[in-house]
Amino acid sequence: MKLLCAVLVGLLGLLGLSMAKDSPPMVQVYTRTPGEYGKSNTFICHVSGFHPPEITIDLLKNGVVVPEAKQTDLAFEENWFYYLTKHTVLTPNKGDVISCRVTHLGKTNSYNWESDM
């Protein structure tokens, strides 16, 4: 009985995987707290709703990749669409461009943080 259940769960998983279609990511770039120039803040790039799971995310400050940015483990929802978050602590100055660069299915797009200052 356990074997039958395991086989059924596996088949349902494969069915769900085959039903997932290519889907571009939805991207949100924001800060943990309201931004202030000259004050340290956590910058977050949250990428969701994408499939297949192969994706590259970079956080950039003035066009330069921030190497110390941390990334969560890849996770998925019931519908087999994936989500991922990358974050880092930065101190923005007036004129800085903080952005998130996402490459998925061979397409690269950049999304800039919009300051609320």
N, C-alpha and C. Protein backbone atom coordinates (compact mmCIF):
# COMPACT_ATOMS: atom_id res chain seq x y z
N MET A 1 0.82 -1.19 0.00
CA MET A 1 0.00 0.00 0.00
C MET A 1 0.87 1.26 0.00
N LYS A 2 1.95 1.24 0.83
CA LYS A 2 2.84 2.40 0.87
C LYS A 2 3.50 2.62 -0.49
N LEU A 3 3.86 1.53 -1.15
CA LEU A 3 4.48 1.64 -2.46
C LEU A 3 3.51 2.25 -3.46
N LEU A 4 2.26 1.82 -3.43
CA LEU A 4 1.24 2.37 -4.33
C LEU A 4 1.07 3.86 -4.09
N CYS A 5 1.02 4.27 -2.84
CA CYS A 5 0.88 5.70 -2.50
C CYS A 5 2.09 6.48 -3.01
N ALA A 6 3.28 5.94 -2.82
CA ALA A 6 4.49 6.62 -3.28
C ALA A 6 4.48 6.78 -4.79
N VAL A 7 4.05 5.76 -5.51
CA VAL A 7 3.97 5.83 -6.98
C VAL A 7 2.95 6.88 -7.40
N LEU A 8 1.80 6.90 -6.75
CA LEU A 8 0.77 7.89 -7.10
C LEU A 8 1.24 9.31 -6.83
N VAL A 9 1.90 9.53 -5.71
CA VAL A 9 2.44 10.86 -5.40
C VAL A 9 3.47 11.26 -6.45
N GLY A 10 4.33 10.34 -6.84
CA GLY A 10 5.32 10.62 -7.87
C GLY A 10 4.69 10.97 -9.20
N LEU A 11 3.67 10.22 -9.59
CA LEU A 11 2.98 10.50 -10.85
C LEU A 11 2.28 11.85 -10.82
N LEU A 12 1.66 12.18 -9.70
CA LEU A 12 1.02 13.48 -9.58
C LEU A 12 2.04 14.60 -9.66
N GLY A 13 3.20 14.39 -9.06
CA GLY A 13 4.27 15.38 -9.15
C GLY A 13 4.73 15.59 -10.57
N LEU A 14 4.90 14.50 -11.31
CA LEU A 14 5.30 14.61 -12.72
C LEU A 14 4.22 15.28 -13.55
N LEU A 15 2.97 14.98 -13.26
CA LEU A 15 1.87 15.61 -13.97
C LEU A 15 1.88 17.12 -13.72
N GLY A 16 2.08 17.52 -12.47
CA GLY A 16 2.14 18.94 -12.15
C GLY A 16 3.30 19.62 -12.83
N LEU A 17 4.45 18.95 -12.87
CA LEU A 17 5.63 19.50 -13.52
C LEU A 17 5.41 19.67 -15.00
N SER A 18 4.75 18.69 -15.63
CA SER A 18 4.52 18.78 -17.07
C SER A 18 3.47 19.83 -17.41
N MET A 19 2.60 20.16 -16.45
CA MET A 19 1.58 21.16 -16.69
C MET A 19 2.13 22.58 -16.55
N ALA A 20 3.24 22.76 -15.84
CA ALA A 20 3.82 24.09 -15.67
C ALA A 20 4.41 24.54 -16.99
N LYS A 21 4.03 25.74 -17.41
CA LYS A 21 4.53 26.28 -18.66
C LYS A 21 5.60 27.31 -18.36
N ASP A 22 6.41 27.62 -19.38
CA ASP A 22 7.41 28.66 -19.20
C ASP A 22 6.71 29.93 -18.76
N SER A 23 7.23 30.53 -17.73
CA SER A 23 6.63 31.74 -17.18
C SER A 23 7.73 32.70 -16.75
N PRO A 24 7.68 33.95 -17.21
CA PRO A 24 8.71 34.91 -16.81
C PRO A 24 8.53 35.32 -15.35
N PRO A 25 9.60 35.75 -14.71
CA PRO A 25 9.50 36.12 -13.30
C PRO A 25 8.83 37.47 -13.08
N MET A 26 8.17 37.59 -11.94
CA MET A 26 7.71 38.89 -11.45
C MET A 26 8.78 39.34 -10.47
N VAL A 27 9.21 40.60 -10.57
CA VAL A 27 10.33 41.09 -9.78
C VAL A 27 9.92 42.29 -8.95
N GLN A 28 10.29 42.27 -7.68
CA GLN A 28 10.06 43.39 -6.77
C GLN A 28 11.40 43.77 -6.15
N VAL A 29 11.73 45.07 -6.19
CA VAL A 29 12.95 45.57 -5.56
C VAL A 29 12.52 46.58 -4.50
N TYR A 30 12.92 46.33 -3.26
CA TYR A 30 12.47 47.19 -2.17
C TYR A 30 13.48 47.14 -1.02
N THR A 31 13.25 47.97 0.00
CA THR A 31 14.12 48.00 1.17
C THR A 31 13.33 47.53 2.40
N ARG A 32 14.08 47.07 3.39
CA ARG A 32 13.44 46.59 4.62
C ARG A 32 12.74 47.73 5.36
N THR A 33 13.40 48.88 5.44
CA THR A 33 12.81 50.06 6.08
C THR A 33 12.82 51.21 5.08
N PRO A 34 12.02 52.25 5.30
CA PRO A 34 12.04 53.38 4.37
C PRO A 34 13.46 53.90 4.18
N GLY A 35 13.84 54.14 2.93
CA GLY A 35 15.21 54.53 2.61
C GLY A 35 15.56 55.95 3.01
N GLU A 36 16.80 56.13 3.45
CA GLU A 36 17.35 57.45 3.72
C GLU A 36 18.76 57.46 3.17
N TYR A 37 19.10 58.54 2.44
CA TYR A 37 20.46 58.65 1.93
C TYR A 37 21.45 58.70 3.09
N GLY A 38 22.56 57.99 2.92
CA GLY A 38 23.60 57.99 3.94
C GLY A 38 23.34 57.04 5.10
N LYS A 39 22.22 56.32 5.07
CA LYS A 39 21.91 55.37 6.15
C LYS A 39 21.83 53.95 5.59
N SER A 40 22.43 53.02 6.30
CA SER A 40 22.46 51.62 5.90
C SER A 40 21.04 51.03 5.87
N ASN A 41 20.79 50.18 4.88
CA ASN A 41 19.48 49.55 4.75
C ASN A 41 19.65 48.21 4.05
N THR A 42 18.70 47.33 4.22
CA THR A 42 18.72 46.05 3.52
C THR A 42 17.92 46.19 2.23
N PHE A 43 18.58 45.92 1.12
CA PHE A 43 17.94 45.96 -0.20
C PHE A 43 17.57 44.54 -0.59
N ILE A 44 16.35 44.38 -1.08
CA ILE A 44 15.79 43.06 -1.34
C ILE A 44 15.30 42.99 -2.78
N CYS A 45 15.63 41.89 -3.45
CA CYS A 45 15.09 41.59 -4.77
C CYS A 45 14.33 40.27 -4.65
N HIS A 46 13.01 40.34 -4.76
CA HIS A 46 12.17 39.15 -4.65
C HIS A 46 11.65 38.80 -6.04
N VAL A 47 11.94 37.59 -6.47
CA VAL A 47 11.58 37.12 -7.81
C VAL A 47 10.63 35.93 -7.63
N SER A 48 9.47 35.99 -8.28
CA SER A 48 8.46 34.94 -8.07
C SER A 48 7.71 34.62 -9.35
N GLY A 49 6.99 33.49 -9.30
CA GLY A 49 6.10 33.11 -10.39
C GLY A 49 6.78 32.64 -11.65
N PHE A 50 8.02 32.17 -11.55
CA PHE A 50 8.74 31.79 -12.76
C PHE A 50 8.87 30.27 -12.90
N HIS A 51 9.04 29.85 -14.14
CA HIS A 51 9.27 28.45 -14.48
C HIS A 51 9.91 28.43 -15.86
N PRO A 52 10.89 27.66 -16.12
CA PRO A 52 11.57 26.67 -15.28
C PRO A 52 12.43 27.35 -14.20
N PRO A 53 12.99 26.56 -13.30
CA PRO A 53 13.68 27.13 -12.14
C PRO A 53 15.06 27.72 -12.42
N GLU A 54 15.63 27.52 -13.58
CA GLU A 54 16.96 28.05 -13.86
C GLU A 54 16.88 29.57 -13.98
N ILE A 55 17.55 30.27 -13.08
CA ILE A 55 17.48 31.73 -13.03
C ILE A 55 18.75 32.26 -12.37
N THR A 56 19.16 33.47 -12.75
CA THR A 56 20.30 34.14 -12.14
C THR A 56 19.84 35.51 -11.67
N ILE A 57 20.15 35.84 -10.43
CA ILE A 57 19.78 37.13 -9.86
C ILE A 57 21.04 37.81 -9.34
N ASP A 58 21.24 39.08 -9.70
CA ASP A 58 22.35 39.87 -9.19
C ASP A 58 21.82 41.18 -8.64
N LEU A 59 22.34 41.61 -7.50
CA LEU A 59 22.07 42.95 -6.99
C LEU A 59 23.26 43.82 -7.38
N LEU A 60 22.97 45.02 -7.88
CA LEU A 60 24.02 45.91 -8.35
C LEU A 60 23.89 47.29 -7.72
N LYS A 61 25.02 47.91 -7.48
CA LYS A 61 25.06 49.31 -7.04
C LYS A 61 25.87 50.06 -8.09
N ASN A 62 25.23 51.00 -8.76
CA ASN A 62 25.86 51.77 -9.83
C ASN A 62 26.48 50.87 -10.90
N GLY A 63 25.77 49.81 -11.24
CA GLY A 63 26.18 48.91 -12.31
C GLY A 63 27.21 47.86 -11.93
N VAL A 64 27.62 47.83 -10.67
CA VAL A 64 28.63 46.87 -10.21
C VAL A 64 27.94 45.84 -9.31
N VAL A 65 28.17 44.56 -9.61
CA VAL A 65 27.58 43.48 -8.81
C VAL A 65 28.07 43.56 -7.37
N VAL A 66 27.14 43.42 -6.44
CA VAL A 66 27.47 43.41 -5.01
C VAL A 66 27.76 41.95 -4.64
N PRO A 67 29.05 41.60 -4.47
CA PRO A 67 29.41 40.18 -4.29
C PRO A 67 28.94 39.58 -2.97
N GLU A 68 28.73 40.39 -1.94
CA GLU A 68 28.35 39.83 -0.65
C GLU A 68 26.85 39.62 -0.50
N ALA A 69 26.08 39.85 -1.55
CA ALA A 69 24.63 39.63 -1.49
C ALA A 69 24.33 38.15 -1.19
N LYS A 70 23.35 37.92 -0.36
CA LYS A 70 22.94 36.56 0.03
C LYS A 70 21.66 36.18 -0.70
N GLN A 71 21.53 34.89 -0.99
CA GLN A 71 20.36 34.39 -1.71
C GLN A 71 19.70 33.27 -0.92
N THR A 72 18.37 33.28 -0.90
CA THR A 72 17.63 32.20 -0.25
C THR A 72 17.71 30.94 -1.11
N ASP A 73 17.27 29.84 -0.55
CA ASP A 73 17.14 28.61 -1.33
C ASP A 73 15.95 28.74 -2.26
N LEU A 74 16.06 28.13 -3.42
CA LEU A 74 14.96 28.10 -4.38
C LEU A 74 13.78 27.36 -3.76
N ALA A 75 12.59 27.92 -3.90
CA ALA A 75 11.38 27.29 -3.37
C ALA A 75 10.29 27.33 -4.43
N PHE A 76 9.28 26.48 -4.26
CA PHE A 76 8.20 26.46 -5.25
C PHE A 76 6.85 26.41 -4.57
N GLU A 77 5.85 26.83 -5.34
CA GLU A 77 4.47 26.83 -4.87
C GLU A 77 3.77 25.57 -5.37
N GLU A 78 2.52 25.38 -4.98
CA GLU A 78 1.76 24.19 -5.38
C GLU A 78 1.68 24.02 -6.90
N ASN A 79 1.68 25.13 -7.62
CA ASN A 79 1.53 25.10 -9.07
C ASN A 79 2.86 24.92 -9.81
N TRP A 80 3.94 24.65 -9.10
CA TRP A 80 5.27 24.42 -9.65
C TRP A 80 5.92 25.69 -10.18
N PHE A 81 5.42 26.85 -9.79
CA PHE A 81 6.12 28.09 -10.11
C PHE A 81 7.04 28.39 -8.93
N TYR A 82 8.19 28.97 -9.23
CA TYR A 82 9.25 29.12 -8.24
C TYR A 82 9.37 30.55 -7.73
N TYR A 83 10.04 30.69 -6.59
CA TYR A 83 10.37 32.02 -6.07
C TYR A 83 11.72 31.97 -5.36
N LEU A 84 12.35 33.15 -5.31
CA LEU A 84 13.71 33.27 -4.81
C LEU A 84 13.91 34.71 -4.37
N THR A 85 14.72 34.92 -3.34
CA THR A 85 15.00 36.27 -2.86
C THR A 85 16.50 36.46 -2.67
N LYS A 86 16.98 37.63 -3.07
CA LYS A 86 18.38 37.99 -2.85
C LYS A 86 18.40 39.31 -2.10
N HIS A 87 19.33 39.46 -1.15
CA HIS A 87 19.35 40.68 -0.35
C HIS A 87 20.78 41.03 0.06
N THR A 88 20.97 42.31 0.37
CA THR A 88 22.26 42.78 0.85
C THR A 88 22.07 44.08 1.60
N VAL A 89 23.02 44.42 2.44
CA VAL A 89 23.00 45.69 3.15
C VAL A 89 23.86 46.69 2.38
N LEU A 90 23.28 47.85 2.08
CA LEU A 90 23.97 48.92 1.36
C LEU A 90 23.64 50.25 2.00
N THR A 91 24.49 51.23 1.76
CA THR A 91 24.22 52.60 2.18
C THR A 91 24.05 53.43 0.91
N PRO A 92 22.82 53.81 0.58
CA PRO A 92 22.60 54.57 -0.65
C PRO A 92 22.95 56.05 -0.48
N ASN A 93 23.55 56.62 -1.50
CA ASN A 93 23.81 58.04 -1.54
C ASN A 93 23.01 58.63 -2.69
N LYS A 94 22.73 59.92 -2.61
CA LYS A 94 21.97 60.57 -3.67
C LYS A 94 22.67 60.34 -5.00
N GLY A 95 21.91 59.90 -6.00
CA GLY A 95 22.46 59.62 -7.33
C GLY A 95 22.84 58.17 -7.56
N ASP A 96 22.91 57.36 -6.49
CA ASP A 96 23.21 55.94 -6.66
C ASP A 96 22.04 55.24 -7.36
N VAL A 97 22.39 54.24 -8.16
CA VAL A 97 21.37 53.40 -8.80
C VAL A 97 21.53 51.99 -8.23
N ILE A 98 20.53 51.56 -7.48
CA ILE A 98 20.51 50.21 -6.92
C ILE A 98 19.55 49.40 -7.79
N SER A 99 20.02 48.27 -8.31
CA SER A 99 19.17 47.51 -9.22
C SER A 99 19.32 46.01 -9.01
N CYS A 100 18.37 45.31 -9.57
CA CYS A 100 18.34 43.85 -9.54
C CYS A 100 18.33 43.39 -10.99
N ARG A 101 19.31 42.57 -11.35
CA ARG A 101 19.41 42.05 -12.72
C ARG A 101 19.00 40.58 -12.69
N VAL A 102 18.02 40.23 -13.53
CA VAL A 102 17.46 38.88 -13.54
C VAL A 102 17.61 38.29 -14.93
N THR A 103 18.20 37.09 -15.00
CA THR A 103 18.32 36.37 -16.27
C THR A 103 17.52 35.08 -16.17
N HIS A 104 16.55 34.93 -17.09
CA HIS A 104 15.68 33.76 -17.10
C HIS A 104 15.32 33.45 -18.54
N LEU A 105 15.43 32.20 -18.92
CA LEU A 105 15.14 31.75 -20.29
C LEU A 105 15.92 32.56 -21.32
N GLY A 106 17.16 32.89 -20.98
CA GLY A 106 18.04 33.61 -21.90
C GLY A 106 17.77 35.10 -22.02
N LYS A 107 16.82 35.62 -21.27
CA LYS A 107 16.50 37.06 -21.32
C LYS A 107 16.97 37.71 -20.02
N THR A 108 17.64 38.84 -20.16
CA THR A 108 18.12 39.58 -18.99
C THR A 108 17.39 40.91 -18.90
N ASN A 109 16.86 41.20 -17.72
CA ASN A 109 16.19 42.48 -17.46
C ASN A 109 16.72 43.05 -16.15
N SER A 110 16.77 44.38 -16.08
CA SER A 110 17.17 45.06 -14.86
C SER A 110 16.00 45.84 -14.30
N TYR A 111 15.90 45.84 -12.97
CA TYR A 111 14.82 46.52 -12.27
C TYR A 111 15.46 47.42 -11.22
N ASN A 112 15.20 48.72 -11.30
CA ASN A 112 15.81 49.68 -10.38
C ASN A 112 14.96 49.88 -9.14
N TRP A 113 15.66 50.07 -8.03
CA TRP A 113 14.99 50.44 -6.79
C TRP A 113 14.53 51.88 -6.93
N GLU A 114 13.28 52.11 -6.59
CA GLU A 114 12.71 53.46 -6.63
C GLU A 114 12.74 54.02 -5.22
N SER A 115 13.57 55.03 -5.03
CA SER A 115 13.69 55.66 -3.72
C SER A 115 12.40 56.35 -3.33
N ASP A 116 12.04 56.24 -2.06
CA ASP A 116 10.88 56.96 -1.57
C ASP A 116 11.30 58.23 -0.84
N MET A 117 12.53 58.67 -1.12
CA MET A 117 13.04 59.89 -0.48
C MET A 117 12.78 61.09 -1.35
